[in-house]
Amino acid sequence: MRNVKYRSLIVLIAGIALVSVGLYGCFTVKYSFTGASIAPNVKTVFIDLFNNRARVVNPTLSQTFTEKLKDKFGQYFSDDT
């Protein structure tokens, strides 16, 4: 009886470990922008309005995000050059 409980516990722990390892890749998000470049003769950048397609919508989220992104680009690409 004791062997059966011990074996069941080992199988349960092994199953949890396998599921955990399998799910680890599902929740990992990686972004990489390596290899991309902007030609030196580019003078302008156009950023279109981002659409918010979420079910629960913050009415100003799209506009706020777009403006913040434009501001961020404006810090790097100024008209002073």
PDB file of N, CA and C in Angstrom:
ATOM      1  N   MET A   1       0.831  -1.202   0.000  1.00  0.00           N
ATOM      2  CA  MET A   1       0.000   0.000   0.000  1.00  0.00           C
ATOM      3  C   MET A   1       0.868   1.255   0.000  1.00  0.00           C
ATOM      4  N   ARG A   2       1.953   1.205   0.782  1.00  0.00           N
ATOM      5  CA  ARG A   2       2.834   2.366   0.876  1.00  0.00           C
ATOM      6  C   ARG A   2       3.541   2.617  -0.447  1.00  0.00           C
ATOM      7  N   ASN A   3       3.930   1.561  -1.164  1.00  0.00           N
ATOM      8  CA  ASN A   3       4.572   1.693  -2.468  1.00  0.00           C
ATOM      9  C   ASN A   3       3.644   2.344  -3.492  1.00  0.00           C
ATOM     10  N   VAL A   4       2.386   2.017  -3.430  1.00  0.00           N
ATOM     11  CA  VAL A   4       1.410   2.574  -4.368  1.00  0.00           C
ATOM     12  C   VAL A   4       1.279   4.077  -4.144  1.00  0.00           C
ATOM     13  N   LYS A   5       1.219   4.526  -2.885  1.00  0.00           N
ATOM     14  CA  LYS A   5       1.117   5.952  -2.575  1.00  0.00           C
ATOM     15  C   LYS A   5       2.382   6.686  -3.020  1.00  0.00           C
ATOM     16  N   TYR A   6       3.532   6.061  -2.761  1.00  0.00           N
ATOM     17  CA  TYR A   6       4.813   6.671  -3.130  1.00  0.00           C
ATOM     18  C   TYR A   6       4.908   6.800  -4.649  1.00  0.00           C
ATOM     19  N   ARG A   7       4.523   5.746  -5.354  1.00  0.00           N
ATOM     20  CA  ARG A   7       4.574   5.765  -6.820  1.00  0.00           C
ATOM     21  C   ARG A   7       3.598   6.789  -7.380  1.00  0.00           C
ATOM     22  N   SER A   8       2.425   6.883  -6.804  1.00  0.00           N
ATOM     23  CA  SER A   8       1.436   7.867  -7.250  1.00  0.00           C
ATOM     24  C   SER A   8       1.954   9.288  -7.050  1.00  0.00           C
ATOM     25  N   LEU A   9       2.640   9.508  -5.935  1.00  0.00           N
ATOM     26  CA  LEU A   9       3.200  10.822  -5.649  1.00  0.00           C
ATOM     27  C   LEU A   9       4.291  11.171  -6.669  1.00  0.00           C
ATOM     28  N   ILE A  10       5.135  10.224  -6.998  1.00  0.00           N
ATOM     29  CA  ILE A  10       6.194  10.444  -7.974  1.00  0.00           C
ATOM     30  C   ILE A  10       5.592  10.758  -9.350  1.00  0.00           C
ATOM     31  N   VAL A  11       4.581  10.014  -9.741  1.00  0.00           N
ATOM     32  CA  VAL A  11       3.921  10.239 -11.029  1.00  0.00           C
ATOM     33  C   VAL A  11       3.271  11.620 -11.049  1.00  0.00           C
ATOM     34  N   LEU A  12       2.653  12.009  -9.947  1.00  0.00           N
ATOM     35  CA  LEU A  12       2.017  13.324  -9.858  1.00  0.00           C
ATOM     36  C   LEU A  12       3.052  14.440  -9.977  1.00  0.00           C
ATOM     37  N   ILE A  13       4.149  14.331  -9.261  1.00  0.00           N
ATOM     38  CA  ILE A  13       5.207  15.354  -9.309  1.00  0.00           C
ATOM     39  C   ILE A  13       5.811  15.421 -10.708  1.00  0.00           C
ATOM     40  N   ALA A  14       6.055  14.273 -11.323  1.00  0.00           N
ATOM     41  CA  ALA A  14       6.603  14.246 -12.679  1.00  0.00           C
ATOM     42  C   ALA A  14       5.627  14.889 -13.669  1.00  0.00           C
ATOM     43  N   GLY A  15       4.343  14.617 -13.507  1.00  0.00           N
ATOM     44  CA  GLY A  15       3.324  15.214 -14.384  1.00  0.00           C
ATOM     45  C   GLY A  15       3.271  16.724 -14.238  1.00  0.00           C
ATOM     46  N   ILE A  16       3.320  17.197 -13.002  1.00  0.00           N
ATOM     47  CA  ILE A  16       3.305  18.646 -12.762  1.00  0.00           C
ATOM     48  C   ILE A  16       4.551  19.292 -13.364  1.00  0.00           C
ATOM     49  N   ALA A  17       5.691  18.631 -13.215  1.00  0.00           N
ATOM     50  CA  ALA A  17       6.934  19.166 -13.780  1.00  0.00           C
ATOM     51  C   ALA A  17       6.851  19.245 -15.302  1.00  0.00           C
ATOM     52  N   LEU A  18       6.333  18.209 -15.932  1.00  0.00           N
ATOM     53  CA  LEU A  18       6.215  18.205 -17.391  1.00  0.00           C
ATOM     54  C   LEU A  18       5.253  19.285 -17.876  1.00  0.00           C
ATOM     55  N   VAL A  19       4.140  19.432 -17.217  1.00  0.00           N
ATOM     56  CA  VAL A  19       3.174  20.460 -17.596  1.00  0.00           C
ATOM     57  C   VAL A  19       3.776  21.846 -17.403  1.00  0.00           C
ATOM     58  N   SER A  20       4.498  22.038 -16.304  1.00  0.00           N
ATOM     59  CA  SER A  20       5.132  23.332 -16.039  1.00  0.00           C
ATOM     60  C   SER A  20       6.144  23.683 -17.112  1.00  0.00           C
ATOM     61  N   VAL A  21       6.966  22.717 -17.486  1.00  0.00           N
ATOM     62  CA  VAL A  21       7.972  22.951 -18.533  1.00  0.00           C
ATOM     63  C   VAL A  21       7.271  23.229 -19.860  1.00  0.00           C
ATOM     64  N   GLY A  22       6.215  22.518 -20.139  1.00  0.00           N
ATOM     65  CA  GLY A  22       5.480  22.725 -21.390  1.00  0.00           C
ATOM     66  C   GLY A  22       4.811  24.079 -21.457  1.00  0.00           C
ATOM     67  N   LEU A  23       4.272  24.540 -20.348  1.00  0.00           N
ATOM     68  CA  LEU A  23       3.591  25.832 -20.326  1.00  0.00           C
ATOM     69  C   LEU A  23       4.553  27.004 -20.273  1.00  0.00           C
ATOM     70  N   TYR A  24       5.775  26.769 -19.857  1.00  0.00           N
ATOM     71  CA  TYR A  24       6.748  27.856 -19.744  1.00  0.00           C
ATOM     72  C   TYR A  24       6.915  28.591 -21.075  1.00  0.00           C
ATOM     73  N   GLY A  25       6.989  27.850 -22.160  1.00  0.00           N
ATOM     74  CA  GLY A  25       7.139  28.459 -23.475  1.00  0.00           C
ATOM     75  C   GLY A  25       5.910  29.212 -23.928  1.00  0.00           C
ATOM     76  N   CYS A  26       4.754  28.859 -23.423  1.00  0.00           N
ATOM     77  CA  CYS A  26       3.520  29.532 -23.810  1.00  0.00           C
ATOM     78  C   CYS A  26       3.422  30.934 -23.242  1.00  0.00           C
ATOM     79  N   PHE A  27       4.046  31.189 -22.134  1.00  0.00           N
ATOM     80  CA  PHE A  27       3.916  32.475 -21.471  1.00  0.00           C
ATOM     81  C   PHE A  27       5.153  33.351 -21.626  1.00  0.00           C
ATOM     82  N   THR A  28       6.032  32.992 -22.528  1.00  0.00           N
ATOM     83  CA  THR A  28       7.244  33.772 -22.764  1.00  0.00           C
ATOM     84  C   THR A  28       7.048  34.598 -24.022  1.00  0.00           C
ATOM     85  N   VAL A  29       7.243  35.893 -23.904  1.00  0.00           N
ATOM     86  CA  VAL A  29       7.129  36.791 -25.042  1.00  0.00           C
ATOM     87  C   VAL A  29       8.493  37.415 -25.266  1.00  0.00           C
ATOM     88  N   LYS A  30       8.993  37.276 -26.476  1.00  0.00           N
ATOM     89  CA  LYS A  30      10.295  37.841 -26.804  1.00  0.00           C
ATOM     90  C   LYS A  30      10.165  38.662 -28.074  1.00  0.00           C
ATOM     91  N   TYR A  31      10.696  39.865 -28.017  1.00  0.00           N
ATOM     92  CA  TYR A  31      10.729  40.728 -29.182  1.00  0.00           C
ATOM     93  C   TYR A  31      12.178  41.030 -29.518  1.00  0.00           C
ATOM     94  N   SER A  32      12.466  41.102 -30.769  1.00  0.00           N
ATOM     95  CA  SER A  32      13.822  41.422 -31.183  1.00  0.00           C
ATOM     96  C   SER A  32      13.760  42.298 -32.421  1.00  0.00           C
ATOM     97  N   PHE A  33      14.506  43.377 -32.404  1.00  0.00           N
ATOM     98  CA  PHE A  33      14.561  44.270 -33.539  1.00  0.00           C
ATOM     99  C   PHE A  33      15.957  44.282 -34.160  1.00  0.00           C
ATOM    100  N   THR A  34      16.732  43.261 -33.915  1.00  0.00           N
ATOM    101  CA  THR A  34      18.076  43.197 -34.470  1.00  0.00           C
ATOM    102  C   THR A  34      17.979  42.960 -35.967  1.00  0.00           C
ATOM    103  N   GLY A  35      18.953  43.492 -36.671  1.00  0.00           N
ATOM    104  CA  GLY A  35      18.981  43.315 -38.111  1.00  0.00           C
ATOM    105  C   GLY A  35      18.207  44.375 -38.869  1.00  0.00           C
ATOM    106  N   ALA A  36      17.433  45.192 -38.177  1.00  0.00           N
ATOM    107  CA  ALA A  36      16.682  46.250 -38.833  1.00  0.00           C
ATOM    108  C   ALA A  36      17.499  47.529 -38.809  1.00  0.00           C
ATOM    109  N   SER A  37      17.370  48.292 -39.847  1.00  0.00           N
ATOM    110  CA  SER A  37      18.062  49.570 -39.877  1.00  0.00           C
ATOM    111  C   SER A  37      17.233  50.573 -40.661  1.00  0.00           C
ATOM    112  N   ILE A  38      17.453  51.825 -40.357  1.00  0.00           N
ATOM    113  CA  ILE A  38      16.776  52.908 -41.065  1.00  0.00           C
ATOM    114  C   ILE A  38      17.837  53.616 -41.890  1.00  0.00           C
ATOM    115  N   ALA A  39      17.551  53.795 -43.152  1.00  0.00           N
ATOM    116  CA  ALA A  39      18.511  54.443 -44.046  1.00  0.00           C
ATOM    117  C   ALA A  39      18.820  55.858 -43.559  1.00  0.00           C
ATOM    118  N   PRO A  40      20.040  56.309 -43.697  1.00  0.00           N
ATOM    119  CA  PRO A  40      20.417  57.636 -43.196  1.00  0.00           C
ATOM    120  C   PRO A  40      19.714  58.794 -43.904  1.00  0.00           C
ATOM    121  N   ASN A  41      19.190  58.569 -45.111  1.00  0.00           N
ATOM    122  CA  ASN A  41      18.520  59.646 -45.836  1.00  0.00           C
ATOM    123  C   ASN A  41      17.045  59.799 -45.466  1.00  0.00           C
ATOM    124  N   VAL A  42      16.526  58.973 -44.573  1.00  0.00           N
ATOM    125  CA  VAL A  42      15.131  59.069 -44.146  1.00  0.00           C
ATOM    126  C   VAL A  42      14.985  60.299 -43.257  1.00  0.00           C
ATOM    127  N   LYS A  43      14.024  61.161 -43.608  1.00  0.00           N
ATOM    128  CA  LYS A  43      13.846  62.424 -42.878  1.00  0.00           C
ATOM    129  C   LYS A  43      12.556  62.464 -42.072  1.00  0.00           C
ATOM    130  N   THR A  44      11.564  61.648 -42.420  1.00  0.00           N
ATOM    131  CA  THR A  44      10.284  61.685 -41.711  1.00  0.00           C
ATOM    132  C   THR A  44       9.839  60.280 -41.328  1.00  0.00           C
ATOM    133  N   VAL A  45       9.011  60.242 -40.311  1.00  0.00           N
ATOM    134  CA  VAL A  45       8.400  58.991 -39.851  1.00  0.00           C
ATOM    135  C   VAL A  45       6.920  59.257 -39.682  1.00  0.00           C
ATOM    136  N   PHE A  46       6.074  58.391 -40.245  1.00  0.00           N
ATOM    137  CA  PHE A  46       4.631  58.528 -40.100  1.00  0.00           C
ATOM    138  C   PHE A  46       4.124  57.449 -39.158  1.00  0.00           C
ATOM    139  N   ILE A  47       3.407  57.858 -38.125  1.00  0.00           N
ATOM    140  CA  ILE A  47       2.831  56.913 -37.173  1.00  0.00           C
ATOM    141  C   ILE A  47       1.324  57.093 -37.221  1.00  0.00           C
ATOM    142  N   ASP A  48       0.654  56.060 -37.700  1.00  0.00           N
ATOM    143  CA  ASP A  48      -0.804  56.091 -37.821  1.00  0.00           C
ATOM    144  C   ASP A  48      -1.447  55.819 -36.464  1.00  0.00           C
ATOM    145  N   LEU A  49      -2.701  56.169 -36.320  1.00  0.00           N
ATOM    146  CA  LEU A  49      -3.440  55.944 -35.079  1.00  0.00           C
ATOM    147  C   LEU A  49      -3.579  54.447 -34.816  1.00  0.00           C
ATOM    148  N   PHE A  50      -3.192  54.015 -33.625  1.00  0.00           N
ATOM    149  CA  PHE A  50      -3.359  52.615 -33.235  1.00  0.00           C
ATOM    150  C   PHE A  50      -4.801  52.379 -32.841  1.00  0.00           C
ATOM    151  N   ASN A  51      -5.398  51.343 -33.405  1.00  0.00           N
ATOM    152  CA  ASN A  51      -6.780  51.013 -33.067  1.00  0.00           C
ATOM    153  C   ASN A  51      -6.814  50.118 -31.850  1.00  0.00           C
ATOM    154  N   ASN A  52      -7.719  50.402 -30.936  1.00  0.00           N
ATOM    155  CA  ASN A  52      -7.911  49.577 -29.752  1.00  0.00           C
ATOM    156  C   ASN A  52      -9.105  48.677 -30.007  1.00  0.00           C
ATOM    157  N   ARG A  53      -8.849  47.379 -30.143  1.00  0.00           N
ATOM    158  CA  ARG A  53      -9.921  46.430 -30.431  1.00  0.00           C
ATOM    159  C   ARG A  53     -10.301  45.605 -29.210  1.00  0.00           C
ATOM    160  N   ALA A  54      -9.958  46.097 -28.041  1.00  0.00           N
ATOM    161  CA  ALA A  54     -10.272  45.364 -26.814  1.00  0.00           C
ATOM    162  C   ALA A  54     -11.771  45.450 -26.534  1.00  0.00           C
ATOM    163  N   ARG A  55     -12.277  44.455 -25.839  1.00  0.00           N
ATOM    164  CA  ARG A  55     -13.708  44.447 -25.488  1.00  0.00           C
ATOM    165  C   ARG A  55     -14.032  45.526 -24.466  1.00  0.00           C
ATOM    166  N   VAL A  56     -13.183  45.667 -23.483  1.00  0.00           N
ATOM    167  CA  VAL A  56     -13.356  46.718 -22.483  1.00  0.00           C
ATOM    168  C   VAL A  56     -12.412  47.843 -22.908  1.00  0.00           C
ATOM    169  N   VAL A  57     -12.985  48.896 -23.460  1.00  0.00           N
ATOM    170  CA  VAL A  57     -12.177  49.918 -24.105  1.00  0.00           C
ATOM    171  C   VAL A  57     -12.058  51.155 -23.230  1.00  0.00           C
ATOM    172  N   ASN A  58     -10.806  51.581 -23.042  1.00  0.00           N
ATOM    173  CA  ASN A  58     -10.537  52.894 -22.472  1.00  0.00           C
ATOM    174  C   ASN A  58     -10.644  53.855 -23.646  1.00  0.00           C
ATOM    175  N   PRO A  59     -11.583  54.794 -23.632  1.00  0.00           N
ATOM    176  CA  PRO A  59     -11.835  55.615 -24.819  1.00  0.00           C
ATOM    177  C   PRO A  59     -10.638  56.451 -25.289  1.00  0.00           C
ATOM    178  N   THR A  60      -9.718  56.763 -24.413  1.00  0.00           N
ATOM    179  CA  THR A  60      -8.579  57.597 -24.811  1.00  0.00           C
ATOM    180  C   THR A  60      -7.293  56.795 -25.017  1.00  0.00           C
ATOM    181  N   LEU A  61      -7.346  55.490 -24.867  1.00  0.00           N
ATOM    182  CA  LEU A  61      -6.130  54.675 -24.941  1.00  0.00           C
ATOM    183  C   LEU A  61      -5.438  54.763 -26.296  1.00  0.00           C
ATOM    184  N   SER A  62      -6.176  54.641 -27.387  1.00  0.00           N
ATOM    185  CA  SER A  62      -5.572  54.684 -28.724  1.00  0.00           C
ATOM    186  C   SER A  62      -4.863  56.003 -28.965  1.00  0.00           C
ATOM    187  N   GLN A  63      -5.550  57.099 -28.685  1.00  0.00           N
ATOM    188  CA  GLN A  63      -4.971  58.419 -28.916  1.00  0.00           C
ATOM    189  C   GLN A  63      -3.768  58.655 -28.012  1.00  0.00           C
ATOM    190  N   THR A  64      -3.881  58.273 -26.733  1.00  0.00           N
ATOM    191  CA  THR A  64      -2.781  58.470 -25.785  1.00  0.00           C
ATOM    192  C   THR A  64      -1.553  57.675 -26.196  1.00  0.00           C
ATOM    193  N   PHE A  65      -1.750  56.408 -26.549  1.00  0.00           N
ATOM    194  CA  PHE A  65      -0.631  55.560 -26.960  1.00  0.00           C
ATOM    195  C   PHE A  65       0.049  56.116 -28.209  1.00  0.00           C
ATOM    196  N   THR A  66      -0.749  56.506 -29.192  1.00  0.00           N
ATOM    197  CA  THR A  66      -0.193  57.032 -30.434  1.00  0.00           C
ATOM    198  C   THR A  66       0.610  58.308 -30.171  1.00  0.00           C
ATOM    199  N   GLU A  67       0.082  59.203 -29.358  1.00  0.00           N
ATOM    200  CA  GLU A  67       0.786  60.452 -29.060  1.00  0.00           C
ATOM    201  C   GLU A  67       2.088  60.197 -28.288  1.00  0.00           C
ATOM    202  N   LYS A  68       2.057  59.261 -27.343  1.00  0.00           N
ATOM    203  CA  LYS A  68       3.280  58.932 -26.595  1.00  0.00           C
ATOM    204  C   LYS A  68       4.338  58.332 -27.519  1.00  0.00           C
ATOM    205  N   LEU A  69       3.908  57.495 -28.454  1.00  0.00           N
ATOM    206  CA  LEU A  69       4.843  56.906 -29.408  1.00  0.00           C
ATOM    207  C   LEU A  69       5.444  57.979 -30.302  1.00  0.00           C
ATOM    208  N   LYS A  70       4.619  58.916 -30.755  1.00  0.00           N
ATOM    209  CA  LYS A  70       5.123  60.029 -31.562  1.00  0.00           C
ATOM    210  C   LYS A  70       6.115  60.868 -30.765  1.00  0.00           C
ATOM    211  N   ASP A  71       5.820  61.112 -29.510  1.00  0.00           N
ATOM    212  CA  ASP A  71       6.741  61.867 -28.649  1.00  0.00           C
ATOM    213  C   ASP A  71       8.074  61.141 -28.513  1.00  0.00           C
ATOM    214  N   LYS A  72       8.008  59.825 -28.351  1.00  0.00           N
ATOM    215  CA  LYS A  72       9.227  59.027 -28.207  1.00  0.00           C
ATOM    216  C   LYS A  72      10.082  59.118 -29.471  1.00  0.00           C
ATOM    217  N   PHE A  73       9.457  59.003 -30.636  1.00  0.00           N
ATOM    218  CA  PHE A  73      10.191  59.151 -31.886  1.00  0.00           C
ATOM    219  C   PHE A  73      10.719  60.569 -32.025  1.00  0.00           C
ATOM    220  N   GLY A  74       9.962  61.540 -31.574  1.00  0.00           N
ATOM    221  CA  GLY A  74      10.383  62.935 -31.650  1.00  0.00           C
ATOM    222  C   GLY A  74      11.635  63.214 -30.846  1.00  0.00           C
ATOM    223  N   GLN A  75      11.861  62.468 -29.788  1.00  0.00           N
ATOM    224  CA  GLN A  75      13.063  62.618 -28.992  1.00  0.00           C
ATOM    225  C   GLN A  75      14.299  62.179 -29.774  1.00  0.00           C
ATOM    226  N   TYR A  76      14.141  61.189 -30.636  1.00  0.00           N
ATOM    227  CA  TYR A  76      15.272  60.654 -31.389  1.00  0.00           C
ATOM    228  C   TYR A  76      15.477  61.322 -32.738  1.00  0.00           C
ATOM    229  N   PHE A  77      14.377  61.733 -33.347  1.00  0.00           N
ATOM    230  CA  PHE A  77      14.459  62.338 -34.681  1.00  0.00           C
ATOM    231  C   PHE A  77      13.934  63.762 -34.570  1.00  0.00           C
ATOM    232  N   SER A  78      14.810  64.703 -34.423  1.00  0.00           N
ATOM    233  CA  SER A  78      14.369  66.098 -34.326  1.00  0.00           C
ATOM    234  C   SER A  78      14.654  66.820 -35.627  1.00  0.00           C
ATOM    235  N   ASP A  79      14.023  67.982 -35.805  1.00  0.00           N
ATOM    236  CA  ASP A  79      14.212  68.787 -37.013  1.00  0.00           C
ATOM    237  C   ASP A  79      15.498  69.605 -36.970  1.00  0.00           C
ATOM    238  N   ASP A  80      16.271  69.486 -35.902  1.00  0.00           N
ATOM    239  CA  ASP A  80      17.490  70.268 -35.748  1.00  0.00           C
ATOM    240  C   ASP A  80      18.616  69.805 -36.639  1.00  0.00           C
ATOM    241  N   THR A  81      18.504  68.607 -37.228  1.00  0.00           N
ATOM    242  CA  THR A  81      19.628  68.075 -38.018  1.00  0.00           C
ATOM    243  C   THR A  81      19.609  68.589 -39.421  1.00  0.00           C
TER     244      THR A  81
END
